[in-house]
Amino acid sequence: MSSVYILAIESSCDDTSVAILKDNEVLSNVVCNQRIHEKFGGVVPELASRDHLKNIIVTIDAALKEAAVTLKDINAIAVTRGPGLIGSLLVGISAAKSLSLSLQIPLIEINHIQAHILAHFIKNVHAENKLQFPFLGLIVSGGHTQLVLVKNYLEYEVLGETLDDAAGEALDKGAKILGLGFPGGPIIDTLAQTGNENQFTFPKAHIQELHFSFSGIKTALLYLIQKEVKQNPDFIKENLNDLCASYQKTIVEMLINGVQQALETTNLKQIAIAGGVSANSKLRKELQQLSSAKKIDTFLLPLKYCTDNAAMIGIAAYYKYLNKDFASLDIVPITRWEGFTNK
């Protein structure tokens, strides 16, 4: 079989990304970040959509040039169908449909969350055949926190997920409460490096089965700040690093506890972590320690594949292409994609 060239588009939230893959090898992975949301402390959907419209064509062009291929070389177009912001998704899907129709090549719809996990199968990310099915997947991002049983490239079972805020959302909201910038997760991670993580105690939600809840810790931080600032207006400034370290520690502990329970329930010996929060240094450290203590294999992605990017869309599309799993041109965005089905 000759090589398969896939052009992949990711536009689920606030970054426009286009990648070119040759089979499972990434030839280019261009990400156009949106800075406009920083002053608002969060993503503004309408502004995100407009920036995608402005960036999509130039990003496609940049990805093709970097990969040194032309549209004539492409065998299929892949695009994130969901979950995500409907306006942002619509821009990517419209561009993908146009390319598929004009080039007369297959269109492949991709579940954004599924793609995060499959990023582990990009060529040279891990040693060949080291990550084997079935394994436990932990997806942690600004919008999603899920524990997933990964049975093969295209078959998954959601074991547990957040019932409210995602881990990344809790970090971003915590940063906003503390008066920090956006996205808040990386800022908290940096400030926590020099903080005392045992200085403040935050509650950890105890949820049945393998689910998570992060809304309580965000509220606890808010109440703590409101109480202490009344007595000392400089409380945040004087305790910022300790607050960040303690807040981050609690969120990471909840994630680690969920992973431990999932490993015990499934008897799996391998875990792969993905999503923007998988770049968090505290979480990576704790997972590596858990790996040593429990004698399991933990797989971490290079930082460039942790956050939203089109390379992960492309690798997911590659396996769907091999399975001849193509989409029709009448697909519409899915803002909330339950599980990993198309329903």
C-alpha atoms as a PDB file:
ATOM      1  CA  MET A   1       0.000   0.000   0.000  1.00  0.00           C
ATOM      2  CA  SER A   2       1.335   3.440  -0.907  1.00  0.00           C
ATOM      3  CA  SER A   3       1.654   6.163   1.700  1.00  0.00           C
ATOM      4  CA  VAL A   4      -1.423   8.072   2.846  1.00  0.00           C
ATOM      5  CA  TYR A   5      -1.223  11.866   3.069  1.00  0.00           C
ATOM      6  CA  ILE A   6      -3.769  13.506   5.344  1.00  0.00           C
ATOM      7  CA  LEU A   7      -4.469  17.199   5.835  1.00  0.00           C
ATOM      8  CA  ALA A   8      -5.947  17.678   9.310  1.00  0.00           C
ATOM      9  CA  ILE A   9      -7.768  20.707  10.730  1.00  0.00           C
ATOM     10  CA  GLU A  10      -8.358  21.460  14.416  1.00  0.00           C
ATOM     11  CA  SER A  11     -10.521  24.440  15.423  1.00  0.00           C
ATOM     12  CA  SER A  12     -12.511  23.262  18.435  1.00  0.00           C
ATOM     13  CA  CYS A  13     -11.712  26.203  20.712  1.00  0.00           C
ATOM     14  CA  ASP A  14      -9.358  29.165  20.381  1.00  0.00           C
ATOM     15  CA  ASP A  15      -6.389  27.861  18.378  1.00  0.00           C
ATOM     16  CA  THR A  16      -6.383  27.280  14.635  1.00  0.00           C
ATOM     17  CA  SER A  17      -4.165  24.327  13.729  1.00  0.00           C
ATOM     18  CA  VAL A  18      -3.435  22.450  10.518  1.00  0.00           C
ATOM     19  CA  ALA A  19      -1.162  19.427  10.140  1.00  0.00           C
ATOM     20  CA  ILE A  20       0.039  17.265   7.282  1.00  0.00           C
ATOM     21  CA  LEU A  21       0.704  13.594   8.011  1.00  0.00           C
ATOM     22  CA  LYS A  22       2.314  10.923   5.866  1.00  0.00           C
ATOM     23  CA  ASP A  23       0.823   7.779   7.378  1.00  0.00           C
ATOM     24  CA  ASN A  24       1.612   8.136  11.120  1.00  0.00           C
ATOM     25  CA  GLU A  25       4.464  10.615  10.583  1.00  0.00           C
ATOM     26  CA  VAL A  26       3.918  14.333  11.161  1.00  0.00           C
ATOM     27  CA  LEU A  27       5.348  16.419   8.318  1.00  0.00           C
ATOM     28  CA  SER A  28       4.022  19.717   9.669  1.00  0.00           C
ATOM     29  CA  ASN A  29       1.909  20.857  12.612  1.00  0.00           C
ATOM     30  CA  VAL A  30       1.158  24.570  12.489  1.00  0.00           C
ATOM     31  CA  VAL A  31      -0.687  26.166  15.401  1.00  0.00           C
ATOM     32  CA  CYS A  32      -1.967  29.738  15.239  1.00  0.00           C
ATOM     33  CA  ASN A  33      -2.642  30.910  18.803  1.00  0.00           C
ATOM     34  CA  GLN A  34      -5.307  33.477  19.624  1.00  0.00           C
ATOM     35  CA  ARG A  35      -4.123  36.131  22.102  1.00  0.00           C
ATOM     36  CA  ILE A  36      -7.296  38.201  21.996  1.00  0.00           C
ATOM     37  CA  HIS A  37      -8.898  36.293  24.883  1.00  0.00           C
ATOM     38  CA  GLU A  38      -6.222  37.083  27.480  1.00  0.00           C
ATOM     39  CA  LYS A  39      -7.760  40.405  28.542  1.00  0.00           C
ATOM     40  CA  PHE A  40     -11.130  38.728  29.122  1.00  0.00           C
ATOM     41  CA  GLY A  41      -9.787  35.959  31.378  1.00  0.00           C
ATOM     42  CA  GLY A  42     -11.346  33.256  29.207  1.00  0.00           C
ATOM     43  CA  VAL A  43     -12.296  32.305  25.670  1.00  0.00           C
ATOM     44  CA  VAL A  44     -14.957  34.517  24.063  1.00  0.00           C
ATOM     45  CA  PRO A  45     -16.698  32.221  21.516  1.00  0.00           C
ATOM     46  CA  GLU A  46     -17.631  34.933  18.992  1.00  0.00           C
ATOM     47  CA  LEU A  47     -14.106  36.340  18.956  1.00  0.00           C
ATOM     48  CA  ALA A  48     -12.675  32.835  18.601  1.00  0.00           C
ATOM     49  CA  SER A  49     -14.848  32.154  15.554  1.00  0.00           C
ATOM     50  CA  ARG A  50     -13.800  35.386  13.884  1.00  0.00           C
ATOM     51  CA  ASP A  51     -10.119  34.661  14.446  1.00  0.00           C
ATOM     52  CA  HIS A  52     -10.518  31.161  12.998  1.00  0.00           C
ATOM     53  CA  LEU A  53     -12.031  32.715   9.872  1.00  0.00           C
ATOM     54  CA  LYS A  54      -9.073  35.052   9.617  1.00  0.00           C
ATOM     55  CA  ASN A  55      -6.456  32.353  10.248  1.00  0.00           C
ATOM     56  CA  ILE A  56      -7.718  29.171   8.589  1.00  0.00           C
ATOM     57  CA  ILE A  57      -6.518  29.761   5.007  1.00  0.00           C
ATOM     58  CA  VAL A  58      -3.080  31.083   5.944  1.00  0.00           C
ATOM     59  CA  THR A  59      -2.613  28.196   8.402  1.00  0.00           C
ATOM     60  CA  ILE A  60      -3.490  25.616   5.727  1.00  0.00           C
ATOM     61  CA  ASP A  61      -1.042  27.274   3.366  1.00  0.00           C
ATOM     62  CA  ALA A  62       1.712  27.351   5.998  1.00  0.00           C
ATOM     63  CA  ALA A  63       1.224  23.654   6.832  1.00  0.00           C
ATOM     64  CA  LEU A  64       1.438  22.625   3.172  1.00  0.00           C
ATOM     65  CA  LYS A  65       4.597  24.672   2.619  1.00  0.00           C
ATOM     66  CA  GLU A  66       6.299  23.341   5.744  1.00  0.00           C
ATOM     67  CA  ALA A  67       5.473  19.766   4.746  1.00  0.00           C
ATOM     68  CA  ALA A  68       6.685  20.427   1.180  1.00  0.00           C
ATOM     69  CA  VAL A  69       3.532  18.942  -0.355  1.00  0.00           C
ATOM     70  CA  THR A  70       0.667  20.314  -2.445  1.00  0.00           C
ATOM     71  CA  LEU A  71      -3.067  19.738  -2.261  1.00  0.00           C
ATOM     72  CA  LYS A  72      -2.700  17.277  -5.161  1.00  0.00           C
ATOM     73  CA  ASP A  73      -0.697  14.993  -2.850  1.00  0.00           C
ATOM     74  CA  ILE A  74      -3.415  14.832  -0.181  1.00  0.00           C
ATOM     75  CA  ASN A  75      -5.507  11.645   0.057  1.00  0.00           C
ATOM     76  CA  ALA A  76      -8.019  12.730   2.704  1.00  0.00           C
ATOM     77  CA  ILE A  77      -9.156  15.727   4.743  1.00  0.00           C
ATOM     78  CA  ALA A  78      -9.629  15.299   8.486  1.00  0.00           C
ATOM     79  CA  VAL A  79     -11.415  17.722  10.786  1.00  0.00           C
ATOM     80  CA  THR A  80     -12.535  18.005  14.390  1.00  0.00           C
ATOM     81  CA  ARG A  81     -16.314  17.592  14.463  1.00  0.00           C
ATOM     82  CA  GLY A  82     -16.602  17.977  18.222  1.00  0.00           C
ATOM     83  CA  PRO A  83     -16.781  18.485  21.070  1.00  0.00           C
ATOM     84  CA  GLY A  84     -16.074  22.204  21.165  1.00  0.00           C
ATOM     85  CA  LEU A  85     -17.433  25.694  20.494  1.00  0.00           C
ATOM     86  CA  ILE A  86     -20.006  25.506  17.717  1.00  0.00           C
ATOM     87  CA  GLY A  87     -18.788  28.615  15.869  1.00  0.00           C
ATOM     88  CA  SER A  88     -15.159  27.541  16.014  1.00  0.00           C
ATOM     89  CA  LEU A  89     -15.983  24.014  14.875  1.00  0.00           C
ATOM     90  CA  LEU A  90     -18.093  25.363  12.025  1.00  0.00           C
ATOM     91  CA  VAL A  91     -15.139  27.259  10.559  1.00  0.00           C
ATOM     92  CA  GLY A  92     -12.934  24.155  10.497  1.00  0.00           C
ATOM     93  CA  ILE A  93     -15.683  21.898   9.184  1.00  0.00           C
ATOM     94  CA  SER A  94     -16.608  24.347   6.423  1.00  0.00           C
ATOM     95  CA  ALA A  95     -12.992  24.556   5.292  1.00  0.00           C
ATOM     96  CA  ALA A  96     -12.633  20.768   5.399  1.00  0.00           C
ATOM     97  CA  LYS A  97     -15.817  20.204   3.398  1.00  0.00           C
ATOM     98  CA  SER A  98     -14.682  22.680   0.773  1.00  0.00           C
ATOM     99  CA  LEU A  99     -11.332  20.922   0.382  1.00  0.00           C
ATOM    100  CA  SER A 100     -12.903  17.467   0.312  1.00  0.00           C
ATOM    101  CA  LEU A 101     -15.448  18.501  -2.302  1.00  0.00           C
ATOM    102  CA  SER A 102     -13.068  20.408  -4.546  1.00  0.00           C
ATOM    103  CA  LEU A 103     -10.337  17.756  -4.413  1.00  0.00           C
ATOM    104  CA  GLN A 104     -12.821  14.847  -4.595  1.00  0.00           C
ATOM    105  CA  ILE A 105     -11.170  13.043  -1.676  1.00  0.00           C
ATOM    106  CA  PRO A 106     -12.651  11.539   1.519  1.00  0.00           C
ATOM    107  CA  LEU A 107     -13.674  13.621   4.531  1.00  0.00           C
ATOM    108  CA  ILE A 108     -12.924  12.147   7.966  1.00  0.00           C
ATOM    109  CA  GLU A 109     -14.672  13.437  11.096  1.00  0.00           C
ATOM    110  CA  ILE A 110     -12.726  13.232  14.359  1.00  0.00           C
ATOM    111  CA  ASN A 111     -13.700  13.252  18.019  1.00  0.00           C
ATOM    112  CA  HIS A 112     -11.363  15.791  19.629  1.00  0.00           C
ATOM    113  CA  ILE A 113     -11.060  13.785  22.856  1.00  0.00           C
ATOM    114  CA  GLN A 114     -10.307  10.535  21.053  1.00  0.00           C
ATOM    115  CA  ALA A 115      -7.586  12.357  19.122  1.00  0.00           C
ATOM    116  CA  HIS A 116      -5.854  13.488  22.324  1.00  0.00           C
ATOM    117  CA  ILE A 117      -5.282   9.846  23.274  1.00  0.00           C
ATOM    118  CA  LEU A 118      -4.216   8.755  19.799  1.00  0.00           C
ATOM    119  CA  ALA A 119      -1.466  11.395  19.781  1.00  0.00           C
ATOM    120  CA  HIS A 120       0.534   8.725  21.607  1.00  0.00           C
ATOM    121  CA  PHE A 121       0.698   6.775  18.334  1.00  0.00           C
ATOM    122  CA  ILE A 122       2.379   9.507  16.313  1.00  0.00           C
ATOM    123  CA  LYS A 123       5.621   8.146  14.899  1.00  0.00           C
ATOM    124  CA  ASN A 124       8.638   8.520  17.196  1.00  0.00           C
ATOM    125  CA  VAL A 125       6.606   9.757  20.180  1.00  0.00           C
ATOM    126  CA  HIS A 126       7.259   6.444  21.958  1.00  0.00           C
ATOM    127  CA  ALA A 127       9.330   3.391  21.184  1.00  0.00           C
ATOM    128  CA  GLU A 128       7.599   1.187  18.616  1.00  0.00           C
ATOM    129  CA  ASN A 129       4.931  -1.133  20.061  1.00  0.00           C
ATOM    130  CA  LYS A 130       5.671  -0.110  23.641  1.00  0.00           C
ATOM    131  CA  LEU A 131       2.164   1.213  24.336  1.00  0.00           C
ATOM    132  CA  GLN A 132      -0.153  -1.740  23.842  1.00  0.00           C
ATOM    133  CA  PHE A 133      -3.913  -2.263  24.010  1.00  0.00           C
ATOM    134  CA  PRO A 134      -5.794  -2.262  26.244  1.00  0.00           C
ATOM    135  CA  PHE A 135      -4.558   0.616  28.389  1.00  0.00           C
ATOM    136  CA  LEU A 136      -5.959   3.327  30.632  1.00  0.00           C
ATOM    137  CA  GLY A 137      -6.228   6.816  29.183  1.00  0.00           C
ATOM    138  CA  LEU A 138      -6.423   9.965  31.307  1.00  0.00           C
ATOM    139  CA  ILE A 139      -7.609  12.998  29.345  1.00  0.00           C
ATOM    140  CA  VAL A 140      -7.216  16.287  31.216  1.00  0.00           C
ATOM    141  CA  SER A 141      -7.835  19.620  29.536  1.00  0.00           C
ATOM    142  CA  GLY A 142      -9.624  22.914  29.953  1.00  0.00           C
ATOM    143  CA  GLY A 143     -12.937  21.397  28.959  1.00  0.00           C
ATOM    144  CA  HIS A 144     -12.608  17.683  29.667  1.00  0.00           C
ATOM    145  CA  THR A 145     -11.491  15.280  32.374  1.00  0.00           C
ATOM    146  CA  GLN A 146     -12.047  11.608  31.586  1.00  0.00           C
ATOM    147  CA  LEU A 147     -10.717   8.180  32.459  1.00  0.00           C
ATOM    148  CA  VAL A 148     -11.002   5.956  29.393  1.00  0.00           C
ATOM    149  CA  LEU A 149     -10.425   2.260  28.734  1.00  0.00           C
ATOM    150  CA  VAL A 150      -8.706   2.249  25.334  1.00  0.00           C
ATOM    151  CA  LYS A 151      -9.404  -1.105  23.680  1.00  0.00           C
ATOM    152  CA  ASN A 152      -7.948  -0.372  20.239  1.00  0.00           C
ATOM    153  CA  TYR A 153      -7.422   2.562  17.905  1.00  0.00           C
ATOM    154  CA  LEU A 154     -11.147   3.083  17.377  1.00  0.00           C
ATOM    155  CA  GLU A 155     -12.845   1.484  20.390  1.00  0.00           C
ATOM    156  CA  TYR A 156     -13.078   3.154  23.806  1.00  0.00           C
ATOM    157  CA  GLU A 157     -15.085   2.966  26.999  1.00  0.00           C
ATOM    158  CA  VAL A 158     -15.478   5.982  29.275  1.00  0.00           C
ATOM    159  CA  LEU A 159     -14.938   4.768  32.842  1.00  0.00           C
ATOM    160  CA  GLY A 160     -15.342   8.094  34.599  1.00  0.00           C
ATOM    161  CA  GLU A 161     -15.495  11.816  33.936  1.00  0.00           C
ATOM    162  CA  THR A 162     -16.008  15.132  35.654  1.00  0.00           C
ATOM    163  CA  LEU A 163     -19.530  15.928  36.782  1.00  0.00           C
ATOM    164  CA  ASP A 164     -18.963  19.681  36.587  1.00  0.00           C
ATOM    165  CA  ASP A 165     -15.764  21.680  35.973  1.00  0.00           C
ATOM    166  CA  ALA A 166     -12.827  20.027  34.224  1.00  0.00           C
ATOM    167  CA  ALA A 167      -9.402  20.053  35.875  1.00  0.00           C
ATOM    168  CA  GLY A 168      -8.063  22.653  33.446  1.00  0.00           C
ATOM    169  CA  GLU A 169     -11.156  24.783  33.934  1.00  0.00           C
ATOM    170  CA  ALA A 170     -10.630  24.685  37.709  1.00  0.00           C
ATOM    171  CA  LEU A 171      -7.037  25.843  37.249  1.00  0.00           C
ATOM    172  CA  ASP A 172      -8.069  28.661  34.912  1.00  0.00           C
ATOM    173  CA  LYS A 173     -10.853  29.814  37.238  1.00  0.00           C
ATOM    174  CA  GLY A 174      -8.515  29.620  40.215  1.00  0.00           C
ATOM    175  CA  ALA A 175      -6.047  31.821  38.378  1.00  0.00           C
ATOM    176  CA  LYS A 176      -8.814  34.319  37.640  1.00  0.00           C
ATOM    177  CA  ILE A 177      -9.783  34.441  41.318  1.00  0.00           C
ATOM    178  CA  LEU A 178      -6.153  35.177  42.158  1.00  0.00           C
ATOM    179  CA  GLY A 179      -5.993  37.942  39.575  1.00  0.00           C
ATOM    180  CA  LEU A 180      -3.632  36.103  37.245  1.00  0.00           C
ATOM    181  CA  GLY A 181      -3.694  35.916  33.441  1.00  0.00           C
ATOM    182  CA  PHE A 182      -5.216  33.470  30.969  1.00  0.00           C
ATOM    183  CA  PRO A 183      -4.726  30.629  30.367  1.00  0.00           C
ATOM    184  CA  GLY A 184      -4.247  30.230  34.092  1.00  0.00           C
ATOM    185  CA  GLY A 185      -3.027  26.638  34.349  1.00  0.00           C
ATOM    186  CA  PRO A 186       0.539  27.294  33.135  1.00  0.00           C
ATOM    187  CA  ILE A 187       0.776  30.423  35.315  1.00  0.00           C
ATOM    188  CA  ILE A 188      -0.274  28.539  38.441  1.00  0.00           C
ATOM    189  CA  ASP A 189       2.179  25.760  37.569  1.00  0.00           C
ATOM    190  CA  THR A 190       5.039  28.248  37.294  1.00  0.00           C
ATOM    191  CA  LEU A 191       4.236  30.123  40.516  1.00  0.00           C
ATOM    192  CA  ALA A 192       3.723  26.865  42.410  1.00  0.00           C
ATOM    193  CA  GLN A 193       7.344  25.883  41.801  1.00  0.00           C
ATOM    194  CA  THR A 194       8.486  28.175  44.634  1.00  0.00           C
ATOM    195  CA  GLY A 195       5.433  27.795  46.876  1.00  0.00           C
ATOM    196  CA  ASN A 196       4.639  25.674  49.934  1.00  0.00           C
ATOM    197  CA  GLU A 197       1.990  23.219  48.759  1.00  0.00           C
ATOM    198  CA  ASN A 198       1.076  22.337  52.357  1.00  0.00           C
ATOM    199  CA  GLN A 199       0.388  25.920  53.458  1.00  0.00           C
ATOM    200  CA  PHE A 200      -3.330  25.852  52.632  1.00  0.00           C
ATOM    201  CA  THR A 201      -5.837  23.008  52.682  1.00  0.00           C
ATOM    202  CA  PHE A 202      -8.629  22.683  50.142  1.00  0.00           C
ATOM    203  CA  PRO A 203     -11.464  20.130  50.130  1.00  0.00           C
ATOM    204  CA  LYS A 204     -11.355  17.142  47.793  1.00  0.00           C
ATOM    205  CA  ALA A 205     -14.673  15.948  46.427  1.00  0.00           C
ATOM    206  CA  HIS A 206     -15.438  12.285  47.066  1.00  0.00           C
ATOM    207  CA  ILE A 207     -17.519  11.076  44.132  1.00  0.00           C
ATOM    208  CA  GLN A 208     -18.838   7.563  43.641  1.00  0.00           C
ATOM    209  CA  GLU A 209     -17.333   5.282  41.029  1.00  0.00           C
ATOM    210  CA  LEU A 210     -14.598   6.876  38.903  1.00  0.00           C
ATOM    211  CA  HIS A 211     -16.041  10.329  38.413  1.00  0.00           C
ATOM    212  CA  PHE A 212     -14.523  13.709  39.327  1.00  0.00           C
ATOM    213  CA  SER A 213     -15.791  17.055  40.627  1.00  0.00           C
ATOM    214  CA  PHE A 214     -13.672  20.210  40.643  1.00  0.00           C
ATOM    215  CA  SER A 215     -16.259  22.934  41.259  1.00  0.00           C
ATOM    216  CA  GLY A 216     -15.944  22.658  45.049  1.00  0.00           C
ATOM    217  CA  ILE A 217     -12.239  23.462  45.208  1.00  0.00           C
ATOM    218  CA  LYS A 218     -12.755  26.549  43.043  1.00  0.00           C
ATOM    219  CA  THR A 219     -15.496  27.770  45.427  1.00  0.00           C
ATOM    220  CA  ALA A 220     -13.319  27.019  48.454  1.00  0.00           C
ATOM    221  CA  LEU A 221     -10.516  29.152  47.021  1.00  0.00           C
ATOM    222  CA  LEU A 222     -12.942  32.000  46.334  1.00  0.00           C
ATOM    223  CA  TYR A 223     -14.317  31.935  49.895  1.00  0.00           C
ATOM    224  CA  LEU A 224     -10.812  31.779  51.366  1.00  0.00           C
ATOM    225  CA  ILE A 225      -9.704  34.812  49.350  1.00  0.00           C
ATOM    226  CA  GLN A 226     -12.829  36.793  50.218  1.00  0.00           C
ATOM    227  CA  LYS A 227     -12.385  36.061  53.934  1.00  0.00           C
ATOM    228  CA  GLU A 228      -8.665  36.771  54.138  1.00  0.00           C
ATOM    229  CA  VAL A 229      -8.628  39.882  51.932  1.00  0.00           C
ATOM    230  CA  LYS A 230     -11.141  41.549  54.260  1.00  0.00           C
ATOM    231  CA  GLN A 231      -8.582  41.250  57.061  1.00  0.00           C
ATOM    232  CA  ASN A 232      -5.484  41.828  54.936  1.00  0.00           C
ATOM    233  CA  PRO A 233      -5.794  43.527  51.533  1.00  0.00           C
ATOM    234  CA  ASP A 234      -2.316  42.210  50.604  1.00  0.00           C
ATOM    235  CA  PHE A 235      -3.161  38.591  51.415  1.00  0.00           C
ATOM    236  CA  ILE A 236      -2.986  37.350  47.808  1.00  0.00           C
ATOM    237  CA  LYS A 237       0.260  39.167  47.084  1.00  0.00           C
ATOM    238  CA  GLU A 238       1.905  37.892  50.264  1.00  0.00           C
ATOM    239  CA  ASN A 239       0.767  34.284  49.786  1.00  0.00           C
ATOM    240  CA  LEU A 240       0.451  33.926  46.008  1.00  0.00           C
ATOM    241  CA  ASN A 241       3.012  31.167  45.443  1.00  0.00           C
ATOM    242  CA  ASP A 242       1.757  29.127  48.418  1.00  0.00           C
ATOM    243  CA  LEU A 243      -1.849  29.523  47.259  1.00  0.00           C
ATOM    244  CA  CYS A 244      -0.938  28.326  43.767  1.00  0.00           C
ATOM    245  CA  ALA A 245       1.067  25.367  45.071  1.00  0.00           C
ATOM    246  CA  SER A 246      -1.629  24.261  47.523  1.00  0.00           C
ATOM    247  CA  TYR A 247      -4.456  24.673  45.008  1.00  0.00           C
ATOM    248  CA  GLN A 248      -2.556  22.796  42.293  1.00  0.00           C
ATOM    249  CA  LYS A 249      -1.577  20.014  44.688  1.00  0.00           C
ATOM    250  CA  THR A 250      -5.213  19.339  45.594  1.00  0.00           C
ATOM    251  CA  ILE A 251      -6.354  19.144  41.967  1.00  0.00           C
ATOM    252  CA  VAL A 252      -3.478  16.803  41.092  1.00  0.00           C
ATOM    253  CA  GLU A 253      -4.226  14.590  44.111  1.00  0.00           C
ATOM    254  CA  MET A 254      -7.820  14.178  42.936  1.00  0.00           C
ATOM    255  CA  LEU A 255      -6.606  13.145  39.493  1.00  0.00           C
ATOM    256  CA  ILE A 256      -4.056  10.696  40.909  1.00  0.00           C
ATOM    257  CA  ASN A 257      -6.655   9.158  43.231  1.00  0.00           C
ATOM    258  CA  GLY A 258      -8.937   8.614  40.240  1.00  0.00           C
ATOM    259  CA  VAL A 259      -6.133   6.994  38.273  1.00  0.00           C
ATOM    260  CA  GLN A 260      -5.292   4.663  41.156  1.00  0.00           C
ATOM    261  CA  GLN A 261      -8.912   3.558  41.506  1.00  0.00           C
ATOM    262  CA  ALA A 262      -9.205   2.989  37.756  1.00  0.00           C
ATOM    263  CA  LEU A 263      -6.024   0.901  37.680  1.00  0.00           C
ATOM    264  CA  GLU A 264      -7.275  -1.226  40.581  1.00  0.00           C
ATOM    265  CA  THR A 265     -10.675  -1.667  38.947  1.00  0.00           C
ATOM    266  CA  THR A 266      -9.348  -2.626  35.520  1.00  0.00           C
ATOM    267  CA  ASN A 267      -6.046  -4.341  36.475  1.00  0.00           C
ATOM    268  CA  LEU A 268      -4.384  -2.478  33.616  1.00  0.00           C
ATOM    269  CA  LYS A 269      -0.625  -1.963  33.721  1.00  0.00           C
ATOM    270  CA  GLN A 270      -0.258   0.976  31.322  1.00  0.00           C
ATOM    271  CA  ILE A 271      -1.597   4.516  31.435  1.00  0.00           C
ATOM    272  CA  ALA A 272      -1.350   7.235  28.790  1.00  0.00           C
ATOM    273  CA  ILE A 273      -2.082  10.847  29.692  1.00  0.00           C
ATOM    274  CA  ALA A 274      -3.198  13.515  27.223  1.00  0.00           C
ATOM    275  CA  GLY A 275      -4.734  16.974  27.029  1.00  0.00           C
ATOM    276  CA  GLY A 276      -3.479  20.424  27.937  1.00  0.00           C
ATOM    277  CA  VAL A 277      -3.215  19.748  31.672  1.00  0.00           C
ATOM    278  CA  SER A 278      -0.961  16.756  30.938  1.00  0.00           C
ATOM    279  CA  ALA A 279       1.767  19.389  30.514  1.00  0.00           C
ATOM    280  CA  ASN A 280       1.447  20.285  34.215  1.00  0.00           C
ATOM    281  CA  SER A 281       4.770  19.556  35.919  1.00  0.00           C
ATOM    282  CA  LYS A 282       3.211  18.483  39.238  1.00  0.00           C
ATOM    283  CA  LEU A 283       0.875  16.002  37.547  1.00  0.00           C
ATOM    284  CA  ARG A 284       3.680  14.536  35.437  1.00  0.00           C
ATOM    285  CA  LYS A 285       5.875  14.130  38.515  1.00  0.00           C
ATOM    286  CA  GLU A 286       3.132  12.442  40.547  1.00  0.00           C
ATOM    287  CA  LEU A 287       2.267  10.069  37.694  1.00  0.00           C
ATOM    288  CA  GLN A 288       5.901   9.036  37.369  1.00  0.00           C
ATOM    289  CA  GLN A 289       6.068   8.385  41.104  1.00  0.00           C
ATOM    290  CA  LEU A 290       2.856   6.344  40.894  1.00  0.00           C
ATOM    291  CA  SER A 291       4.377   4.419  38.007  1.00  0.00           C
ATOM    292  CA  SER A 292       7.390   3.453  40.098  1.00  0.00           C
ATOM    293  CA  ALA A 293       5.343   2.582  43.189  1.00  0.00           C
ATOM    294  CA  LYS A 294       2.723   0.489  41.369  1.00  0.00           C
ATOM    295  CA  LYS A 295       5.104  -0.943  38.743  1.00  0.00           C
ATOM    296  CA  ILE A 296       3.064   0.301  35.811  1.00  0.00           C
ATOM    297  CA  ASP A 297       4.105   2.015  32.588  1.00  0.00           C
ATOM    298  CA  THR A 298       3.195   5.698  32.304  1.00  0.00           C
ATOM    299  CA  PHE A 299       3.284   7.390  28.905  1.00  0.00           C
ATOM    300  CA  LEU A 300       3.636  11.169  28.699  1.00  0.00           C
ATOM    301  CA  LEU A 301       3.420  13.170  25.490  1.00  0.00           C
ATOM    302  CA  PRO A 302       5.939  15.794  24.351  1.00  0.00           C
ATOM    303  CA  LEU A 303       4.586  19.195  25.380  1.00  0.00           C
ATOM    304  CA  LYS A 304       3.848  20.187  21.758  1.00  0.00           C
ATOM    305  CA  TYR A 305       1.253  17.400  21.531  1.00  0.00           C
ATOM    306  CA  CYS A 306      -0.395  18.046  24.927  1.00  0.00           C
ATOM    307  CA  THR A 307      -2.386  21.134  23.973  1.00  0.00           C
ATOM    308  CA  ASP A 308      -4.830  21.279  21.060  1.00  0.00           C
ATOM    309  CA  ASN A 309      -3.105  20.621  17.751  1.00  0.00           C
ATOM    310  CA  ALA A 310      -3.972  19.199  14.344  1.00  0.00           C
ATOM    311  CA  ALA A 311      -1.350  16.449  14.429  1.00  0.00           C
ATOM    312  CA  MET A 312      -3.509  14.526  16.899  1.00  0.00           C
ATOM    313  CA  ILE A 313      -6.490  14.960  14.548  1.00  0.00           C
ATOM    314  CA  GLY A 314      -4.366  13.622  11.716  1.00  0.00           C
ATOM    315  CA  ILE A 315      -3.211  10.492  13.529  1.00  0.00           C
ATOM    316  CA  ALA A 316      -6.787   9.664  14.547  1.00  0.00           C
ATOM    317  CA  ALA A 317      -7.828  10.155  10.924  1.00  0.00           C
ATOM    318  CA  TYR A 318      -5.061   7.862   9.703  1.00  0.00           C
ATOM    319  CA  TYR A 319      -6.511   4.892  11.576  1.00  0.00           C
ATOM    320  CA  LYS A 320     -10.040   5.768  10.460  1.00  0.00           C
ATOM    321  CA  TYR A 321      -8.745   6.002   6.872  1.00  0.00           C
ATOM    322  CA  LEU A 322      -7.295   2.499   7.108  1.00  0.00           C
ATOM    323  CA  ASN A 323     -10.722   1.373   8.290  1.00  0.00           C
ATOM    324  CA  LYS A 324     -12.416   3.277   5.425  1.00  0.00           C
ATOM    325  CA  ASP A 325     -14.457   5.183   8.026  1.00  0.00           C
ATOM    326  CA  PHE A 326     -15.376   8.292   6.035  1.00  0.00           C
ATOM    327  CA  ALA A 327     -17.888  11.055   6.744  1.00  0.00           C
ATOM    328  CA  SER A 328     -20.546  12.558   4.506  1.00  0.00           C
ATOM    329  CA  LEU A 329     -20.538  16.197   3.458  1.00  0.00           C
ATOM    330  CA  ASP A 330     -23.663  16.919   5.507  1.00  0.00           C
ATOM    331  CA  ILE A 331     -22.005  16.567   8.919  1.00  0.00           C
ATOM    332  CA  VAL A 332     -22.581  19.372  11.422  1.00  0.00           C
ATOM    333  CA  PRO A 333     -20.634  20.359  14.545  1.00  0.00           C
ATOM    334  CA  ILE A 334     -21.206  18.439  17.776  1.00  0.00           C
ATOM    335  CA  THR A 335     -20.721  20.673  20.805  1.00  0.00           C
ATOM    336  CA  ARG A 336     -21.095  17.841  23.318  1.00  0.00           C
ATOM    337  CA  TRP A 337     -19.982  14.465  21.973  1.00  0.00           C
ATOM    338  CA  GLU A 338     -21.033  11.824  24.455  1.00  0.00           C
ATOM    339  CA  GLY A 339     -18.598   8.955  24.806  1.00  0.00           C
ATOM    340  CA  PHE A 340     -16.812   8.163  21.561  1.00  0.00           C
ATOM    341  CA  THR A 341     -19.745   7.434  19.290  1.00  0.00           C
ATOM    342  CA  ASN A 342     -21.295   9.566  16.549  1.00  0.00           C
ATOM    343  CA  LYS A 343     -24.683   9.606  18.248  1.00  0.00           C
END
